[in-house]
Amino acid sequence: MKWKIGNVKIDNQVVLAPMAGICDSAFRRIVKSMGCGLIETEMVSTRAIMHLNSKTQEMLMMTDYERPIAQQIFGSDQESFEIASKYIAENMKPDIIDINMGCPVTKVAVKSGAGSALLKDPKKAGEIVESVVNSVDIPVTVKIRSGWDENNAVEVARIIEKSGASAIAVHPRTRHERYDVNADWSIIKDVKDAVSIPVIGNGDIWSCYDAKRMLDETGCDAIMIGRAILGNPWIIRQCIEYLDYGKEPERVSSREKFEMFKRHVRLIKQDSDNPKIIAHKLRTNAAYYMKNLHGSVEIKKKIFQTETEEELFELLEEYVNSLRY
């Protein structure tokens, strides 16, 4: 089903979650090849954008193939949000700018008053949203958790809408809960009932059946998938086909996973010439693609013991050939 955020048309109800350290351009292009309706980048610090270096520039890289795409940023003060959002809109030209108010990690965001720490001060959160909205000519969205240590999602969502945001994504766990409890989808429904802008539901979607159930139970406009995609980009296509056509998901073979990993490697190497970064991404993604296969726990250990790309590929080729499916 097609829908819109502001003037941005989106072909289906499946959105890629902005996972830190995961959602680089290579990963996003793999996800887009599965038909994902809206792509979100990993979050980038507004301060890092102000003091632009090569690492930040690489994180901000995007391609037209990934559109529509939302660039996520995080920070704690209006000035840096205004400067960063203007720079991104003028130079990277994403379709949407997304503000992170959900990151629970102390070292990355919370310690500086960013991420989910902003949920402790809804008034400040609203002022930041308004400053970004007034700084750019593209839609601005916000991703939140249900609260800091208690649920104030409806209050925050109403302020965000009043401040000019075009959509809101809700992860219905507090910062204190992290991922230790099941996502409370009723909070997504409460937010959807409280605002008129599109609401994207996020949390505990592990299959196309979960995606359908979330849409039915909450009335949200779209679903956002994160951890379930790691090593399994096929879940995107499965969700789209099940939601739009009622098509049941097909099993993905170990050979298909290996071939997708090889394609992913080619994209990673297109985007970076840093041997250390490439090696880290290759091993990490190899482990993701092989997870849940027979003997994957043992093969994961061996993956991180490999020293060269050739050794890694030989290991995986032998492993996949040993499997029945």
Foldseek 3Di string as FASTA:
>chain_A
DWDDQPPFIFDFFEEADADPPQFFQLNLLLLVVLPGREYEHHEDELVCQVVDDPVRVRSLDYDPSNPQYEYEYKDADQVSLLVSLLCCCVPVVHQEYEYAQADLDCVPAVVRCMHVSCLVPLVSVLVNLLSSPVRHDHAYEYEHELHAQDGPNQVSLVSNVVSPHREYEYFHDHSVCPQVDFRDLVSLLVNVVRDDHAYEYEGDDQALVSQVVSCVVRVGRHYYDYPNCQLPSNRSNQNRCCVPPVDHDDDDALVNSLVSLVSSLVSVVVSDPDVVVSLVVSLRSVLRNQPPAVPSVVLNVVSVVDDDPVVNNVSSVVVSVPDPD
